[in-house]
Amino acid sequence: MRRPLQLLLMAILLGWICGMTSGCKSTDAENVSTRPWNSTEGWQSGFPSTLNEGR
C-alpha cells in the first residue's frame, strides 16, 4: 500500500515542479509592450466579418 501512495506523491511533486519552472514570463526589463498581448487590434471586433458587409 505504501508504494502506490509514494508513486502518486512523487508524480504530484514532479508535476508541480514542472508547472512552476516552465513559464513564459520574462524578467527582461526592456521587454515592455505598449499594448497588452491579449488586447484586440483596432480592426478586430466581436462580430463576424460578414455581418458588417454592405454597411
PDB file of N, CA and C in Angstrom:
ATOM      1  N   MET A   1       0.823  -1.198   0.000  1.00  0.00           N
ATOM      2  CA  MET A   1       0.000   0.000   0.000  1.00  0.00           C
ATOM      3  C   MET A   1       0.862   1.253   0.000  1.00  0.00           C
ATOM      4  N   ARG A   2       2.040   1.152   0.573  1.00  0.00           N
ATOM      5  CA  ARG A   2       2.894   2.322   0.660  1.00  0.00           C
ATOM      6  C   ARG A   2       3.460   2.706  -0.707  1.00  0.00           C
ATOM      7  N   ARG A   3       3.746   1.748  -1.553  1.00  0.00           N
ATOM      8  CA  ARG A   3       4.365   2.007  -2.858  1.00  0.00           C
ATOM      9  C   ARG A   3       3.458   2.831  -3.775  1.00  0.00           C
ATOM     10  N   PRO A   4       2.174   2.500  -3.946  1.00  0.00           N
ATOM     11  CA  PRO A   4       1.316   3.328  -4.816  1.00  0.00           C
ATOM     12  C   PRO A   4       1.155   4.758  -4.300  1.00  0.00           C
ATOM     13  N   LEU A   5       1.063   4.923  -2.992  1.00  0.00           N
ATOM     14  CA  LEU A   5       0.939   6.263  -2.420  1.00  0.00           C
ATOM     15  C   LEU A   5       2.214   7.063  -2.656  1.00  0.00           C
ATOM     16  N   GLN A   6       3.337   6.414  -2.528  1.00  0.00           N
ATOM     17  CA  GLN A   6       4.614   7.071  -2.757  1.00  0.00           C
ATOM     18  C   GLN A   6       4.743   7.489  -4.228  1.00  0.00           C
ATOM     19  N   LEU A   7       4.334   6.636  -5.146  1.00  0.00           N
ATOM     20  CA  LEU A   7       4.380   6.974  -6.567  1.00  0.00           C
ATOM     21  C   LEU A   7       3.437   8.128  -6.893  1.00  0.00           C
ATOM     22  N   LEU A   8       2.274   8.148  -6.285  1.00  0.00           N
ATOM     23  CA  LEU A   8       1.318   9.226  -6.512  1.00  0.00           C
ATOM     24  C   LEU A   8       1.866  10.555  -6.026  1.00  0.00           C
ATOM     25  N   LEU A   9       2.442  10.558  -4.837  1.00  0.00           N
ATOM     26  CA  LEU A   9       3.024  11.786  -4.302  1.00  0.00           C
ATOM     27  C   LEU A   9       4.208  12.268  -5.137  1.00  0.00           C
ATOM     28  N   MET A  10       5.018  11.355  -5.626  1.00  0.00           N
ATOM     29  CA  MET A  10       6.140  11.733  -6.484  1.00  0.00           C
ATOM     30  C   MET A  10       5.643  12.320  -7.806  1.00  0.00           C
ATOM     31  N   ALA A  11       4.575  11.748  -8.361  1.00  0.00           N
ATOM     32  CA  ALA A  11       4.010  12.265  -9.610  1.00  0.00           C
ATOM     33  C   ALA A  11       3.429  13.659  -9.405  1.00  0.00           C
ATOM     34  N   ILE A  12       2.763  13.870  -8.288  1.00  0.00           N
ATOM     35  CA  ILE A  12       2.207  15.197  -7.989  1.00  0.00           C
ATOM     36  C   ILE A  12       3.335  16.205  -7.803  1.00  0.00           C
ATOM     37  N   LEU A  13       4.376  15.827  -7.089  1.00  0.00           N
ATOM     38  CA  LEU A  13       5.515  16.708  -6.866  1.00  0.00           C
ATOM     39  C   LEU A  13       6.224  17.034  -8.185  1.00  0.00           C
ATOM     40  N   LEU A  14       6.423  16.044  -9.011  1.00  0.00           N
ATOM     41  CA  LEU A  14       7.061  16.263 -10.305  1.00  0.00           C
ATOM     42  C   LEU A  14       6.213  17.178 -11.191  1.00  0.00           C
ATOM     43  N   GLY A  15       4.915  16.978 -11.192  1.00  0.00           N
ATOM     44  CA  GLY A  15       4.029  17.846 -11.958  1.00  0.00           C
ATOM     45  C   GLY A  15       4.048  19.269 -11.455  1.00  0.00           C
ATOM     46  N   TRP A  16       4.085  19.450 -10.159  1.00  0.00           N
ATOM     47  CA  TRP A  16       4.137  20.797  -9.581  1.00  0.00           C
ATOM     48  C   TRP A  16       5.451  21.485  -9.933  1.00  0.00           C
ATOM     49  N   ILE A  17       6.552  20.751  -9.848  1.00  0.00           N
ATOM     50  CA  ILE A  17       7.852  21.329 -10.187  1.00  0.00           C
ATOM     51  C   ILE A  17       7.895  21.717 -11.664  1.00  0.00           C
ATOM     52  N   CYS A  18       7.401  20.870 -12.530  1.00  0.00           N
ATOM     53  CA  CYS A  18       7.376  21.195 -13.961  1.00  0.00           C
ATOM     54  C   CYS A  18       6.487  22.401 -14.230  1.00  0.00           C
ATOM     55  N   GLY A  19       5.373  22.484 -13.568  1.00  0.00           N
ATOM     56  CA  GLY A  19       4.470  23.613 -13.754  1.00  0.00           C
ATOM     57  C   GLY A  19       5.041  24.926 -13.265  1.00  0.00           C
ATOM     58  N   MET A  20       5.796  24.883 -12.191  1.00  0.00           N
ATOM     59  CA  MET A  20       6.367  26.106 -11.634  1.00  0.00           C
ATOM     60  C   MET A  20       7.615  26.579 -12.379  1.00  0.00           C
ATOM     61  N   THR A  21       8.318  25.661 -13.008  1.00  0.00           N
ATOM     62  CA  THR A  21       9.565  26.049 -13.667  1.00  0.00           C
ATOM     63  C   THR A  21       9.396  26.338 -15.148  1.00  0.00           C
ATOM     64  N   SER A  22       8.296  25.946 -15.744  1.00  0.00           N
ATOM     65  CA  SER A  22       8.104  26.224 -17.169  1.00  0.00           C
ATOM     66  C   SER A  22       7.065  27.330 -17.311  1.00  0.00           C
ATOM     67  N   GLY A  23       7.515  28.441 -17.779  1.00  0.00           N
ATOM     68  CA  GLY A  23       6.630  29.578 -17.949  1.00  0.00           C
ATOM     69  C   GLY A  23       7.135  30.454 -19.064  1.00  0.00           C
ATOM     70  N   CYS A  24       6.389  31.492 -19.371  1.00  0.00           N
ATOM     71  CA  CYS A  24       6.808  32.365 -20.458  1.00  0.00           C
ATOM     72  C   CYS A  24       6.955  33.807 -20.004  1.00  0.00           C
ATOM     73  N   LYS A  25       6.980  34.044 -18.723  1.00  0.00           N
ATOM     74  CA  LYS A  25       7.189  35.396 -18.232  1.00  0.00           C
ATOM     75  C   LYS A  25       8.683  35.685 -18.223  1.00  0.00           C
ATOM     76  N   SER A  26       9.016  36.866 -18.680  1.00  0.00           N
ATOM     77  CA  SER A  26      10.408  37.251 -18.758  1.00  0.00           C
ATOM     78  C   SER A  26      10.731  38.269 -17.670  1.00  0.00           C
ATOM     79  N   THR A  27      11.936  38.195 -17.172  1.00  0.00           N
ATOM     80  CA  THR A  27      12.391  39.182 -16.202  1.00  0.00           C
ATOM     81  C   THR A  27      13.168  40.298 -16.893  1.00  0.00           C
ATOM     82  N   ASP A  28      13.179  40.272 -18.231  1.00  0.00           N
ATOM     83  CA  ASP A  28      13.891  41.282 -19.003  1.00  0.00           C
ATOM     84  C   ASP A  28      13.197  42.628 -18.852  1.00  0.00           C
ATOM     85  N   ALA A  29      13.906  43.624 -18.368  1.00  0.00           N
ATOM     86  CA  ALA A  29      13.319  44.945 -18.135  1.00  0.00           C
ATOM     87  C   ALA A  29      12.996  45.675 -19.439  1.00  0.00           C
ATOM     88  N   GLU A  30      13.700  45.353 -20.516  1.00  0.00           N
ATOM     89  CA  GLU A  30      13.463  46.015 -21.793  1.00  0.00           C
ATOM     90  C   GLU A  30      12.283  45.412 -22.550  1.00  0.00           C
ATOM     91  N   ASN A  31      11.752  44.333 -22.068  1.00  0.00           N
ATOM     92  CA  ASN A  31      10.644  43.659 -22.737  1.00  0.00           C
ATOM     93  C   ASN A  31       9.322  44.270 -22.274  1.00  0.00           C
ATOM     94  N   VAL A  32       9.106  45.540 -22.604  1.00  0.00           N
ATOM     95  CA  VAL A  32       7.907  46.257 -22.190  1.00  0.00           C
ATOM     96  C   VAL A  32       7.091  46.562 -23.436  1.00  0.00           C
ATOM     97  N   SER A  33       5.862  46.162 -23.440  1.00  0.00           N
ATOM     98  CA  SER A  33       4.984  46.394 -24.576  1.00  0.00           C
ATOM     99  C   SER A  33       4.050  47.558 -24.268  1.00  0.00           C
ATOM    100  N   THR A  34       3.735  48.343 -25.294  1.00  0.00           N
ATOM    101  CA  THR A  34       2.803  49.440 -25.094  1.00  0.00           C
ATOM    102  C   THR A  34       1.373  48.945 -25.080  1.00  0.00           C
ATOM    103  N   ARG A  35       1.140  47.783 -25.664  1.00  0.00           N
ATOM    104  CA  ARG A  35      -0.196  47.217 -25.729  1.00  0.00           C
ATOM    105  C   ARG A  35      -0.141  45.806 -25.162  1.00  0.00           C
ATOM    106  N   PRO A  36      -1.041  45.442 -24.265  1.00  0.00           N
ATOM    107  CA  PRO A  36      -1.032  44.083 -23.718  1.00  0.00           C
ATOM    108  C   PRO A  36      -1.242  43.039 -24.816  1.00  0.00           C
ATOM    109  N   TRP A  37      -0.694  41.859 -24.619  1.00  0.00           N
ATOM    110  CA  TRP A  37      -0.738  40.822 -25.645  1.00  0.00           C
ATOM    111  C   TRP A  37      -2.158  40.345 -25.932  1.00  0.00           C
ATOM    112  N   ASN A  38      -3.072  40.451 -24.994  1.00  0.00           N
ATOM    113  CA  ASN A  38      -4.410  39.912 -25.194  1.00  0.00           C
ATOM    114  C   ASN A  38      -5.437  40.983 -25.545  1.00  0.00           C
ATOM    115  N   SER A  39      -5.012  42.210 -25.813  1.00  0.00           N
ATOM    116  CA  SER A  39      -5.984  43.230 -26.214  1.00  0.00           C
ATOM    117  C   SER A  39      -6.243  43.125 -27.712  1.00  0.00           C
ATOM    118  N   THR A  40      -7.376  43.579 -28.136  1.00  0.00           N
ATOM    119  CA  THR A  40      -7.749  43.466 -29.543  1.00  0.00           C
ATOM    120  C   THR A  40      -7.125  44.586 -30.359  1.00  0.00           C
ATOM    121  N   GLU A  41      -6.941  44.306 -31.620  1.00  0.00           N
ATOM    122  CA  GLU A  41      -6.466  45.309 -32.560  1.00  0.00           C
ATOM    123  C   GLU A  41      -7.630  46.227 -32.904  1.00  0.00           C
ATOM    124  N   GLY A  42      -7.337  47.332 -33.572  1.00  0.00           N
ATOM    125  CA  GLY A  42      -8.386  48.266 -33.943  1.00  0.00           C
ATOM    126  C   GLY A  42      -9.375  47.689 -34.942  1.00  0.00           C
ATOM    127  N   TRP A  43      -8.914  46.781 -35.799  1.00  0.00           N
ATOM    128  CA  TRP A  43      -9.789  46.221 -36.822  1.00  0.00           C
ATOM    129  C   TRP A  43     -10.575  45.013 -36.323  1.00  0.00           C
ATOM    130  N   GLN A  44     -10.282  44.523 -35.143  1.00  0.00           N
ATOM    131  CA  GLN A  44     -10.981  43.363 -34.601  1.00  0.00           C
ATOM    132  C   GLN A  44     -12.207  43.807 -33.822  1.00  0.00           C
ATOM    133  N   SER A  45     -13.260  43.016 -33.955  1.00  0.00           N
ATOM    134  CA  SER A  45     -14.458  43.267 -33.157  1.00  0.00           C
ATOM    135  C   SER A  45     -15.089  41.927 -32.797  1.00  0.00           C
ATOM    136  N   GLY A  46     -16.157  41.959 -32.054  1.00  0.00           N
ATOM    137  CA  GLY A  46     -16.812  40.725 -31.638  1.00  0.00           C
ATOM    138  C   GLY A  46     -17.790  40.183 -32.663  1.00  0.00           C
ATOM    139  N   PHE A  47     -17.966  40.904 -33.779  1.00  0.00           N
ATOM    140  CA  PHE A  47     -18.922  40.488 -34.803  1.00  0.00           C
ATOM    141  C   PHE A  47     -18.216  39.708 -35.908  1.00  0.00           C
ATOM    142  N   PRO A  48     -18.929  38.745 -36.517  1.00  0.00           N
ATOM    143  CA  PRO A  48     -18.358  38.075 -37.687  1.00  0.00           C
ATOM    144  C   PRO A  48     -18.195  39.089 -38.821  1.00  0.00           C
ATOM    145  N   SER A  49     -17.215  38.870 -39.679  1.00  0.00           N
ATOM    146  CA  SER A  49     -16.906  39.852 -40.712  1.00  0.00           C
ATOM    147  C   SER A  49     -18.030  39.993 -41.736  1.00  0.00           C
ATOM    148  N   THR A  50     -18.802  38.944 -42.008  1.00  0.00           N
ATOM    149  CA  THR A  50     -19.874  39.052 -43.000  1.00  0.00           C
ATOM    150  C   THR A  50     -21.089  39.823 -42.462  1.00  0.00           C
ATOM    151  N   LEU A  51     -21.167  40.009 -41.173  1.00  0.00           N
ATOM    152  CA  LEU A  51     -22.278  40.729 -40.586  1.00  0.00           C
ATOM    153  C   LEU A  51     -22.201  42.234 -40.910  1.00  0.00           C
ATOM    154  N   ASN A  52     -21.007  42.732 -41.069  1.00  0.00           N
ATOM    155  CA  ASN A  52     -20.815  44.157 -41.313  1.00  0.00           C
ATOM    156  C   ASN A  52     -20.680  44.511 -42.791  1.00  0.00           C
ATOM    157  N   GLU A  53     -20.758  43.553 -43.696  1.00  0.00           N
ATOM    158  CA  GLU A  53     -20.611  43.831 -45.124  1.00  0.00           C
ATOM    159  C   GLU A  53     -21.801  44.653 -45.632  1.00  0.00           C
ATOM    160  N   GLY A  54     -21.512  45.602 -46.490  1.00  0.00           N
ATOM    161  CA  GLY A  54     -22.563  46.408 -47.094  1.00  0.00           C
ATOM    162  C   GLY A  54     -23.109  47.484 -46.193  1.00  0.00           C
ATOM    163  N   ARG A  55     -22.472  47.782 -45.126  1.00  0.00           N
ATOM    164  CA  ARG A  55     -22.973  48.831 -44.228  1.00  0.00           C
ATOM    165  C   ARG A  55     -22.096  50.042 -44.305  1.00  0.00           C
TER     166      ARG A  55
END
